[in-house]
PDB file of N, CA and C in Angstrom:
ATOM      1  N   MET A   1       0.852  -1.212   0.020  1.00  0.00           N
ATOM      2  CA  MET A   1      -0.038  -0.073  -0.007  1.00  0.00           C
ATOM      3  C   MET A   1       0.881   1.137   0.020  1.00  0.00           C
ATOM      4  N   SER A   2       0.531   2.277  -0.767  1.00  0.00           N
ATOM      5  CA  SER A   2       1.319   3.473  -0.743  1.00  0.00           C
ATOM      6  C   SER A   2       1.212   4.218   0.397  1.00  0.00           C
ATOM      7  N   VAL A   3       2.037   5.198   0.551  1.00  0.00           N
ATOM      8  CA  VAL A   3       2.000   6.107   1.690  1.00  0.00           C
ATOM      9  C   VAL A   3       0.621   7.003   1.691  1.00  0.00           C
ATOM     10  N   PRO A   4      -0.042   7.261   2.766  1.00  0.00           N
ATOM     11  CA  PRO A   4      -1.119   8.235   2.645  1.00  0.00           C
ATOM     12  C   PRO A   4      -0.873   9.410   2.362  1.00  0.00           C
ATOM     13  N   GLU A   5      -1.731  10.106   1.871  1.00  0.00           N
ATOM     14  CA  GLU A   5      -1.418  11.532   1.429  1.00  0.00           C
ATOM     15  C   GLU A   5      -1.309  12.405   2.812  1.00  0.00           C
ATOM     16  N   PRO A   6      -0.445  13.307   2.972  1.00  0.00           N
ATOM     17  CA  PRO A   6      -0.390  14.255   3.935  1.00  0.00           C
ATOM     18  C   PRO A   6      -1.540  15.055   4.029  1.00  0.00           C
ATOM     19  N   ASP A   7      -1.734  15.466   5.390  1.00  0.00           N
ATOM     20  CA  ASP A   7      -3.039  16.365   5.697  1.00  0.00           C
ATOM     21  C   ASP A   7      -2.905  17.661   4.891  1.00  0.00           C
ATOM     22  N   THR A   8      -1.782  18.272   4.780  1.00  0.00           N
ATOM     23  CA  THR A   8      -1.492  19.372   4.107  1.00  0.00           C
ATOM     24  C   THR A   8      -1.888  19.216   2.483  1.00  0.00           C
ATOM     25  N   ASP A   9      -1.570  18.324   2.009  1.00  0.00           N
ATOM     26  CA  ASP A   9      -1.924  18.062   0.594  1.00  0.00           C
ATOM     27  C   ASP A   9      -3.350  17.685   0.398  1.00  0.00           C
ATOM     28  N   PHE A  10      -3.965  16.837   1.200  1.00  0.00           N
ATOM     29  CA  PHE A  10      -5.486  16.634   1.199  1.00  0.00           C
ATOM     30  C   PHE A  10      -6.162  17.940   1.497  1.00  0.00           C
ATOM     31  N   ARG A  11      -5.846  18.610   2.411  1.00  0.00           N
ATOM     32  CA  ARG A  11      -6.517  19.857   2.739  1.00  0.00           C
ATOM     33  C   ARG A  11      -6.646  20.760   1.530  1.00  0.00           C
ATOM     34  N   GLU A  12      -5.471  20.878   0.993  1.00  0.00           N
ATOM     35  CA  GLU A  12      -5.367  21.723  -0.340  1.00  0.00           C
ATOM     36  C   GLU A  12      -6.407  21.199  -1.446  1.00  0.00           C
ATOM     37  N   ARG A  13      -6.416  20.044  -1.622  1.00  0.00           N
ATOM     38  CA  ARG A  13      -7.493  19.500  -2.680  1.00  0.00           C
ATOM     39  C   ARG A  13      -8.927  19.595  -2.087  1.00  0.00           C
ATOM     40  N   LEU A  14      -9.116  19.309  -0.886  1.00  0.00           N
ATOM     41  CA  LEU A  14     -10.503  19.495  -0.120  1.00  0.00           C
ATOM     42  C   LEU A  14     -10.892  20.914  -0.265  1.00  0.00           C
ATOM     43  N   LEU A  15     -10.032  21.904  -0.165  1.00  0.00           N
ATOM     44  CA  LEU A  15     -10.461  23.229  -0.021  1.00  0.00           C
ATOM     45  C   LEU A  15     -10.918  23.778  -1.517  1.00  0.00           C
ATOM     46  N   ARG A  16     -10.596  23.078  -2.597  1.00  0.00           N
ATOM     47  CA  ARG A  16     -11.061  23.281  -3.863  1.00  0.00           C
ATOM     48  C   ARG A  16     -12.468  22.897  -4.171  1.00  0.00           C
ATOM     49  N   GLU A  17     -13.133  22.017  -3.215  1.00  0.00           N
ATOM     50  CA  GLU A  17     -14.175  21.419  -3.541  1.00  0.00           C
ATOM     51  C   GLU A  17     -15.342  21.933  -2.417  1.00  0.00           C
ATOM     52  N   VAL A  18     -14.951  22.383  -1.382  1.00  0.00           N
ATOM     53  CA  VAL A  18     -16.056  22.852  -0.474  1.00  0.00           C
ATOM     54  C   VAL A  18     -16.623  24.102  -0.604  1.00  0.00           C
ATOM     55  N   PRO A  19     -17.708  24.421   0.004  1.00  0.00           N
ATOM     56  CA  PRO A  19     -18.317  25.785  -0.203  1.00  0.00           C
ATOM     57  C   PRO A  19     -17.644  26.673   0.707  1.00  0.00           C
ATOM     58  N   ASP A  20     -17.707  28.061   0.428  1.00  0.00           N
ATOM     59  CA  ASP A  20     -17.025  29.131   1.173  1.00  0.00           C
ATOM     60  C   ASP A  20     -17.250  28.929   2.630  1.00  0.00           C
ATOM     61  N   GLY A  21     -18.415  28.580   2.958  1.00  0.00           N
ATOM     62  CA  GLY A  21     -18.857  28.646   4.584  1.00  0.00           C
ATOM     63  C   GLY A  21     -18.043  27.443   5.257  1.00  0.00           C
ATOM     64  N   ALA A  22     -17.588  26.437   4.558  1.00  0.00           N
ATOM     65  CA  ALA A  22     -16.815  25.281   5.038  1.00  0.00           C
ATOM     66  C   ALA A  22     -15.386  25.388   5.162  1.00  0.00           C
ATOM     67  N   ARG A  23     -14.872  26.344   4.605  1.00  0.00           N
ATOM     68  CA  ARG A  23     -13.458  26.757   4.327  1.00  0.00           C
ATOM     69  C   ARG A  23     -12.688  26.657   5.723  1.00  0.00           C
ATOM     70  N   ASP A  24     -13.315  27.497   6.708  1.00  0.00           N
ATOM     71  CA  ASP A  24     -12.435  27.824   8.045  1.00  0.00           C
ATOM     72  C   ASP A  24     -12.400  26.423   8.703  1.00  0.00           C
ATOM     73  N   THR A  25     -13.616  25.617   8.564  1.00  0.00           N
ATOM     74  CA  THR A  25     -13.558  24.239   9.204  1.00  0.00           C
ATOM     75  C   THR A  25     -12.578  23.404   8.640  1.00  0.00           C
ATOM     76  N   VAL A  26     -12.471  23.345   7.304  1.00  0.00           N
ATOM     77  CA  VAL A  26     -11.371  22.579   6.818  1.00  0.00           C
ATOM     78  C   VAL A  26      -9.994  22.882   7.317  1.00  0.00           C
ATOM     79  N   ILE A  27      -9.756  24.278   7.141  1.00  0.00           N
ATOM     80  CA  ILE A  27      -8.329  24.807   7.565  1.00  0.00           C
ATOM     81  C   ILE A  27      -8.005  24.459   8.835  1.00  0.00           C
ATOM     82  N   GLY A  28      -8.935  24.478   9.720  1.00  0.00           N
ATOM     83  CA  GLY A  28      -8.696  24.145  11.337  1.00  0.00           C
ATOM     84  C   GLY A  28      -8.799  22.626  11.583  1.00  0.00           C
ATOM     85  N   THR A  29      -8.888  21.696  10.657  1.00  0.00           N
ATOM     86  CA  THR A  29      -9.116  20.281  11.029  1.00  0.00           C
ATOM     87  C   THR A  29      -7.845  19.518  10.411  1.00  0.00           C
ATOM     88  N   SER A  30      -7.686  18.169  11.266  1.00  0.00           N
ATOM     89  CA  SER A  30      -6.655  17.336  10.713  1.00  0.00           C
ATOM     90  C   SER A  30      -6.959  15.984  11.083  1.00  0.00           C
ATOM     91  N   GLY A  31      -6.149  15.227  10.484  1.00  0.00           N
ATOM     92  CA  GLY A  31      -6.330  13.551  10.799  1.00  0.00           C
ATOM     93  C   GLY A  31      -7.680  13.018  10.352  1.00  0.00           C
ATOM     94  N   LYS A  32      -8.266  12.339  11.373  1.00  0.00           N
ATOM     95  CA  LYS A  32      -9.618  11.636  11.131  1.00  0.00           C
ATOM     96  C   LYS A  32     -10.762  12.394  10.796  1.00  0.00           C
ATOM     97  N   LYS A  33     -10.670  13.736  11.508  1.00  0.00           N
ATOM     98  CA  LYS A  33     -11.835  14.600  11.238  1.00  0.00           C
ATOM     99  C   LYS A  33     -11.624  15.220   9.827  1.00  0.00           C
ATOM    100  N   LEU A  34     -10.469  15.542   9.410  1.00  0.00           N
ATOM    101  CA  LEU A  34     -10.214  15.958   7.966  1.00  0.00           C
ATOM    102  C   LEU A  34     -10.882  14.876   6.880  1.00  0.00           C
ATOM    103  N   ASP A  35     -10.599  13.666   7.284  1.00  0.00           N
ATOM    104  CA  ASP A  35     -11.170  12.521   6.456  1.00  0.00           C
ATOM    105  C   ASP A  35     -12.593  12.599   6.291  1.00  0.00           C
ATOM    106  N   ALA A  36     -13.187  12.579   7.556  1.00  0.00           N
ATOM    107  CA  ALA A  36     -14.716  12.785   7.610  1.00  0.00           C
ATOM    108  C   ALA A  36     -15.190  13.954   6.798  1.00  0.00           C
ATOM    109  N   LEU A  37     -14.473  15.081   6.936  1.00  0.00           N
ATOM    110  CA  LEU A  37     -15.022  16.240   6.172  1.00  0.00           C
ATOM    111  C   LEU A  37     -14.871  16.055   4.594  1.00  0.00           C
ATOM    112  N   GLY A  38     -13.895  15.240   4.162  1.00  0.00           N
ATOM    113  CA  GLY A  38     -13.579  14.900   2.888  1.00  0.00           C
ATOM    114  C   GLY A  38     -14.701  13.966   2.377  1.00  0.00           C
ATOM    115  N   ARG A  39     -15.179  13.157   3.174  1.00  0.00           N
ATOM    116  CA  ARG A  39     -16.120  12.057   2.769  1.00  0.00           C
ATOM    117  C   ARG A  39     -17.543  12.783   2.569  1.00  0.00           C
ATOM    118  N   LYS A  40     -17.719  13.736   3.419  1.00  0.00           N
ATOM    119  CA  LYS A  40     -19.036  14.583   3.372  1.00  0.00           C
ATOM    120  C   LYS A  40     -19.066  15.341   1.944  1.00  0.00           C
ATOM    121  N   TYR A  41     -17.891  15.643   1.402  1.00  0.00           N
ATOM    122  CA  TYR A  41     -17.894  16.435   0.041  1.00  0.00           C
ATOM    123  C   TYR A  41     -17.350  15.387  -0.944  1.00  0.00           C
ATOM    124  N   ASP A  42     -17.486  14.267  -0.783  1.00  0.00           N
ATOM    125  CA  ASP A  42     -17.032  13.113  -1.771  1.00  0.00           C
ATOM    126  C   ASP A  42     -15.587  13.486  -2.180  1.00  0.00           C
ATOM    127  N   VAL A  43     -14.679  13.775  -1.413  1.00  0.00           N
ATOM    128  CA  VAL A  43     -13.350  13.988  -1.776  1.00  0.00           C
ATOM    129  C   VAL A  43     -12.448  12.938  -0.727  1.00  0.00           C
ATOM    130  N   TYR A  44     -11.759  11.922  -1.253  1.00  0.00           N
ATOM    131  CA  TYR A  44     -11.161  11.114  -0.350  1.00  0.00           C
ATOM    132  C   TYR A  44      -9.620  10.954  -0.556  1.00  0.00           C
ATOM    133  N   ARG A  45      -8.822  10.826   0.707  1.00  0.00           N
ATOM    134  CA  ARG A  45      -7.398  10.821   0.719  1.00  0.00           C
ATOM    135  C   ARG A  45      -6.853   9.849  -0.520  1.00  0.00           C
ATOM    136  N   THR A  46      -7.530   8.701  -0.783  1.00  0.00           N
ATOM    137  CA  THR A  46      -7.263   7.539  -1.661  1.00  0.00           C
ATOM    138  C   THR A  46      -7.607   7.990  -3.086  1.00  0.00           C
ATOM    139  N   GLY A  47      -8.423   8.831  -3.172  1.00  0.00           N
ATOM    140  CA  GLY A  47      -9.039   9.288  -4.548  1.00  0.00           C
ATOM    141  C   GLY A  47     -10.282   8.547  -4.688  1.00  0.00           C
ATOM    142  N   VAL A  48     -10.647   7.407  -4.136  1.00  0.00           N
ATOM    143  CA  VAL A  48     -11.967   6.735  -4.223  1.00  0.00           C
ATOM    144  C   VAL A  48     -12.417   6.415  -2.813  1.00  0.00           C
ATOM    145  N   PRO A  49     -13.621   6.154  -2.553  1.00  0.00           N
ATOM    146  CA  PRO A  49     -14.100   5.499  -1.327  1.00  0.00           C
ATOM    147  C   PRO A  49     -13.492   4.067  -1.241  1.00  0.00           C
ATOM    148  N   LEU A  50     -13.035   3.731  -0.276  1.00  0.00           N
ATOM    149  CA  LEU A  50     -12.681   2.171   0.306  1.00  0.00           C
ATOM    150  C   LEU A  50     -13.728   1.322   0.284  1.00  0.00           C
ATOM    151  N   ASP A  51     -13.439   0.169  -0.136  1.00  0.00           N
ATOM    152  CA  ASP A  51     -14.406  -1.042   0.180  1.00  0.00           C
ATOM    153  C   ASP A  51     -14.891  -0.905   1.709  1.00  0.00           C
ATOM    154  N   GLY A  52     -16.061  -1.123   1.839  1.00  0.00           N
ATOM    155  CA  GLY A  52     -16.683  -1.099   3.033  1.00  0.00           C
ATOM    156  C   GLY A  52     -17.201   0.210   3.588  1.00  0.00           C
ATOM    157  N   PHE A  53     -16.841   1.348   2.910  1.00  0.00           N
ATOM    158  CA  PHE A  53     -17.339   2.497   3.203  1.00  0.00           C
ATOM    159  C   PHE A  53     -18.919   2.659   3.135  1.00  0.00           C
ATOM    160  N   ASP A  54     -19.505   3.157   4.238  1.00  0.00           N
ATOM    161  CA  ASP A  54     -20.862   3.298   4.280  1.00  0.00           C
ATOM    162  C   ASP A  54     -21.509   4.583   4.164  1.00  0.00           C
ATOM    163  N   GLY A  55     -20.677   5.649   3.812  1.00  0.00           N
ATOM    164  CA  GLY A  55     -21.209   6.945   3.714  1.00  0.00           C
ATOM    165  C   GLY A  55     -20.854   7.703   4.919  1.00  0.00           C
ATOM    166  N   PHE A  56     -21.026   9.057   4.794  1.00  0.00           N
ATOM    167  CA  PHE A  56     -20.845   9.925   5.931  1.00  0.00           C
ATOM    168  C   PHE A  56     -22.252  10.240   6.668  1.00  0.00           C
ATOM    169  N   ARG A  57     -22.033   9.984   7.991  1.00  0.00           N
ATOM    170  CA  ARG A  57     -23.171  10.455   8.743  1.00  0.00           C
ATOM    171  C   ARG A  57     -22.892  11.536   9.629  1.00  0.00           C
ATOM    172  N   ASP A  58     -23.609  12.553   9.798  1.00  0.00           N
ATOM    173  CA  ASP A  58     -23.126  13.835  10.544  1.00  0.00           C
ATOM    174  C   ASP A  58     -23.192  13.152  11.965  1.00  0.00           C
ATOM    175  N   GLY A  59     -22.077  13.847  12.809  1.00  0.00           N
ATOM    176  CA  GLY A  59     -21.814  13.317  14.086  1.00  0.00           C
ATOM    177  C   GLY A  59     -20.876  12.181  14.368  1.00  0.00           C
ATOM    178  N   ASP A  60     -20.415  11.507  13.383  1.00  0.00           N
ATOM    179  CA  ASP A  60     -19.630  10.353  13.477  1.00  0.00           C
ATOM    180  C   ASP A  60     -18.257  10.736  14.134  1.00  0.00           C
ATOM    181  N   THR A  61     -17.796  11.999  13.916  1.00  0.00           N
ATOM    182  CA  THR A  61     -16.450  12.333  14.261  1.00  0.00           C
ATOM    183  C   THR A  61     -16.440  13.154  15.569  1.00  0.00           C
ATOM    184  N   GLU A  62     -17.588  13.395  16.137  1.00  0.00           N
ATOM    185  CA  GLU A  62     -17.678  14.308  17.337  1.00  0.00           C
ATOM    186  C   GLU A  62     -16.796  13.907  18.510  1.00  0.00           C
ATOM    187  N   ASP A  63     -16.775  12.640  18.770  1.00  0.00           N
ATOM    188  CA  ASP A  63     -15.975  12.074  19.869  1.00  0.00           C
ATOM    189  C   ASP A  63     -14.600  11.411  19.290  1.00  0.00           C
ATOM    190  N   ASP A  64     -14.311  11.460  18.084  1.00  0.00           N
ATOM    191  CA  ASP A  64     -13.140  10.982  17.644  1.00  0.00           C
ATOM    192  C   ASP A  64     -11.948  11.676  17.853  1.00  0.00           C
ATOM    193  N   ASP A  65     -10.804  11.166  18.151  1.00  0.00           N
ATOM    194  CA  ASP A  65      -9.711  11.802  18.468  1.00  0.00           C
ATOM    195  C   ASP A  65      -8.961  11.967  17.100  1.00  0.00           C
ATOM    196  N   ALA A  66      -8.375  13.215  16.953  1.00  0.00           N
ATOM    197  CA  ALA A  66      -7.642  13.360  15.696  1.00  0.00           C
ATOM    198  C   ALA A  66      -6.153  12.719  15.569  1.00  0.00           C
TER     199      ALA A  66
END
């Protein structure tokens, strides 16, 4: 398996896809929470959703540690 895309590179790609109102949230997020935001906007660190991905559900990352 290849090395995962770093947060900075993924954030840059994600910022091109999110609405203006979500930009501050994306800029201030990292790790698993950044992945969850990406899923919400159909942007994946791997380029495509991985097998077994069941979609984004609001609130899934509230208690996750980054």
